[in-house]
Protein backbone atom coordinates (compact mmCIF):
# COMPACT_ATOMS: atom_id res chain seq x y z
CA UNK A 1 -12.46 16.79 9.62
CA UNK A 2 -9.23 16.42 11.56
CA UNK A 3 -5.99 16.42 9.61
CA UNK A 4 -3.68 13.58 10.64
CA UNK A 5 -0.33 14.29 12.24
CA UNK A 6 2.86 13.54 10.32
CA UNK A 7 5.34 10.78 11.23
CA UNK A 8 9.08 11.08 10.65
CA UNK A 9 11.18 8.09 9.60
CA UNK A 10 12.63 7.48 13.08
CA UNK A 11 9.18 6.41 14.29
CA UNK A 12 9.07 3.75 11.56
CA UNK A 13 12.62 2.58 12.32
CA UNK A 14 12.03 2.28 16.07
CA UNK A 15 8.93 0.15 15.43
CA UNK A 16 11.28 -2.56 14.15
CA UNK A 17 14.26 -1.87 16.45
CA UNK A 18 14.45 -4.46 19.24
CA UNK A 19 17.37 -2.68 20.94
CA UNK A 20 15.02 -0.23 22.70
CA UNK A 21 11.84 -2.05 23.81
CA UNK A 22 10.26 1.12 25.26
CA UNK A 23 10.71 3.11 22.06
CA UNK A 24 9.72 0.10 19.99
CA UNK A 25 6.39 -0.21 21.82
CA UNK A 26 5.62 3.49 21.41
CA UNK A 27 6.59 3.43 17.74
CA UNK A 28 4.55 0.29 17.04
CA UNK A 29 1.49 1.99 18.52
CA UNK A 30 2.05 4.97 16.21
CA UNK A 31 2.42 2.68 13.18
CA UNK A 32 -0.80 0.79 13.99
CA UNK A 33 -2.56 4.13 14.30
CA UNK A 34 -1.04 5.30 11.00
CA UNK A 35 -2.32 2.18 9.25
CA UNK A 36 -5.79 3.05 10.54
CA UNK A 37 -5.47 6.59 9.10
CA UNK A 38 -4.57 8.57 12.19
CA UNK A 39 -1.11 9.60 10.89
CA UNK A 40 0.46 10.26 7.51
CA UNK A 41 4.02 10.37 6.19
CA UNK A 42 5.83 11.06 2.95
CA UNK A 43 7.44 8.81 0.39
CA UNK A 44 10.76 10.22 1.58
CA UNK A 45 10.03 8.84 5.07
CA UNK A 46 9.21 5.45 3.58
CA UNK A 47 12.43 5.50 1.53
CA UNK A 48 14.55 6.48 4.56
CA UNK A 49 12.93 3.67 6.54
CA UNK A 50 13.69 1.08 3.83
CA UNK A 51 17.26 2.35 3.39
CA UNK A 52 17.91 2.21 7.14
CA UNK A 53 16.63 -1.36 7.38
CA UNK A 54 18.66 -2.49 4.38
CA UNK A 55 21.93 -0.68 5.08
CA UNK A 56 22.15 -0.04 8.84
CA UNK A 57 20.09 -2.85 10.34
CA UNK A 58 20.89 -5.40 7.58
CA UNK A 59 17.33 -6.66 7.21
CA UNK A 60 16.95 -9.02 4.25
CA UNK A 61 15.28 -7.44 1.20
CA UNK A 62 12.39 -9.92 1.25
CA UNK A 63 11.63 -8.90 4.85
CA UNK A 64 11.81 -5.22 3.96
CA UNK A 65 9.37 -5.82 1.10
CA UNK A 66 6.99 -7.61 3.47
CA UNK A 67 7.16 -4.66 5.90
CA UNK A 68 6.49 -2.22 3.06
CA UNK A 69 3.45 -4.28 2.08
CA UNK A 70 2.21 -4.07 5.69
CA UNK A 71 2.62 -0.28 5.64
CA UNK A 72 0.84 0.15 2.29
CA UNK A 73 -2.47 1.36 3.85
CA UNK A 74 -0.73 4.44 5.30
CA UNK A 75 -1.29 7.65 3.34
CA UNK A 76 2.06 8.77 1.92
CA UNK A 77 2.56 12.22 0.42
CA UNK A 78 4.44 12.40 -2.88
CA UNK A 79 7.16 15.04 -3.25
CA UNK A 80 6.98 17.55 -6.08
CA UNK A 81 8.80 20.69 -7.15
CA UNK A 82 6.83 22.84 -4.69
CA UNK A 83 7.85 20.64 -1.78
CA UNK A 84 11.50 20.80 -2.86
CA UNK A 85 11.32 24.60 -3.08
CA UNK A 86 9.67 24.82 0.35
CA UNK A 87 12.42 22.56 1.77
CA UNK A 88 14.97 25.10 0.54
CA UNK A 89 12.94 27.82 2.26
CA UNK A 90 12.96 25.74 5.48
CA UNK A 91 16.73 25.49 5.20
CA UNK A 92 17.00 29.23 4.63
CA UNK A 93 14.56 30.20 7.39
CA UNK A 94 15.35 27.65 10.09
CA UNK A 95 18.76 26.25 9.17
CA UNK A 96 17.30 22.77 8.68
CA UNK A 97 19.13 20.11 6.72
CA UNK A 98 17.50 19.89 3.29
CA UNK A 99 15.94 16.47 3.93
CA UNK A 100 14.49 17.63 7.26
CA UNK A 101 13.08 20.57 5.31
CA UNK A 102 11.45 18.06 2.96
CA UNK A 103 9.70 16.52 5.99
CA UNK A 104 8.46 19.94 7.12
CA UNK A 105 7.36 20.86 3.59
CA UNK A 106 5.45 17.58 3.11
CA UNK A 107 3.74 18.01 6.49
CA UNK A 108 2.82 21.58 5.63
CA UNK A 109 1.47 20.55 2.21
CA UNK A 110 -0.69 17.96 3.95
CA UNK A 111 -2.12 20.54 6.34
CA UNK A 112 -0.62 18.81 9.37
CA UNK A 113 -0.40 20.71 12.63
CA UNK A 114 2.22 18.41 14.21
CA UNK A 115 5.24 16.34 13.21
CA UNK A 116 6.21 13.43 15.45
CA UNK A 117 9.99 13.17 15.29
CA UNK A 118 12.95 12.39 17.48
CA UNK A 119 15.29 14.22 15.09
CA UNK A 120 13.64 17.63 14.83
CA UNK A 121 13.58 19.93 17.87
CA UNK A 122 10.60 19.09 20.09
CA UNK A 123 8.65 22.24 20.91
CA UNK A 124 9.92 24.05 17.81
CA UNK A 125 7.50 25.24 15.16
CA UNK A 126 8.39 25.28 11.48
CA UNK A 127 6.01 27.26 9.26
CA UNK A 128 3.43 26.92 12.06
CA UNK A 129 3.80 23.15 12.41
CA UNK A 130 4.69 22.01 15.94
CA UNK A 131 7.22 19.24 16.53
CA UNK A 132 6.72 16.67 19.27
CA UNK A 133 9.01 13.85 20.32
CA UNK A 134 6.98 10.64 20.68
CA UNK A 135 9.61 9.07 22.93
CA UNK A 136 9.67 11.70 25.71
């Protein structure tokens, strides 16, 4: 059985960002594939997505709730104390910001081999997990 790849929050945000049609199209494809089970994410990613829509994009709360309902079929990993500890280790080992370390730790916990992210360094490996930029 193949383990799904992990999606970072920027993929979710770009799916609803009309300012970059090329990135939006790529991101929307990833989201459709995530809904069908091809990708996973973490609750942190979902929270960052909602916060960005509410506070940076100024999407109305009722629209954010509708989007969250649409994304409900995606498998989201819950954080726990082990993921927090591993995020600290990612910070220590790779110099990652703590919340980026949480992404890496959740992906590792899920057995993912790849994280799709515009924010992390494409081509870099963290704890054996490769990072790829979906927009390049």
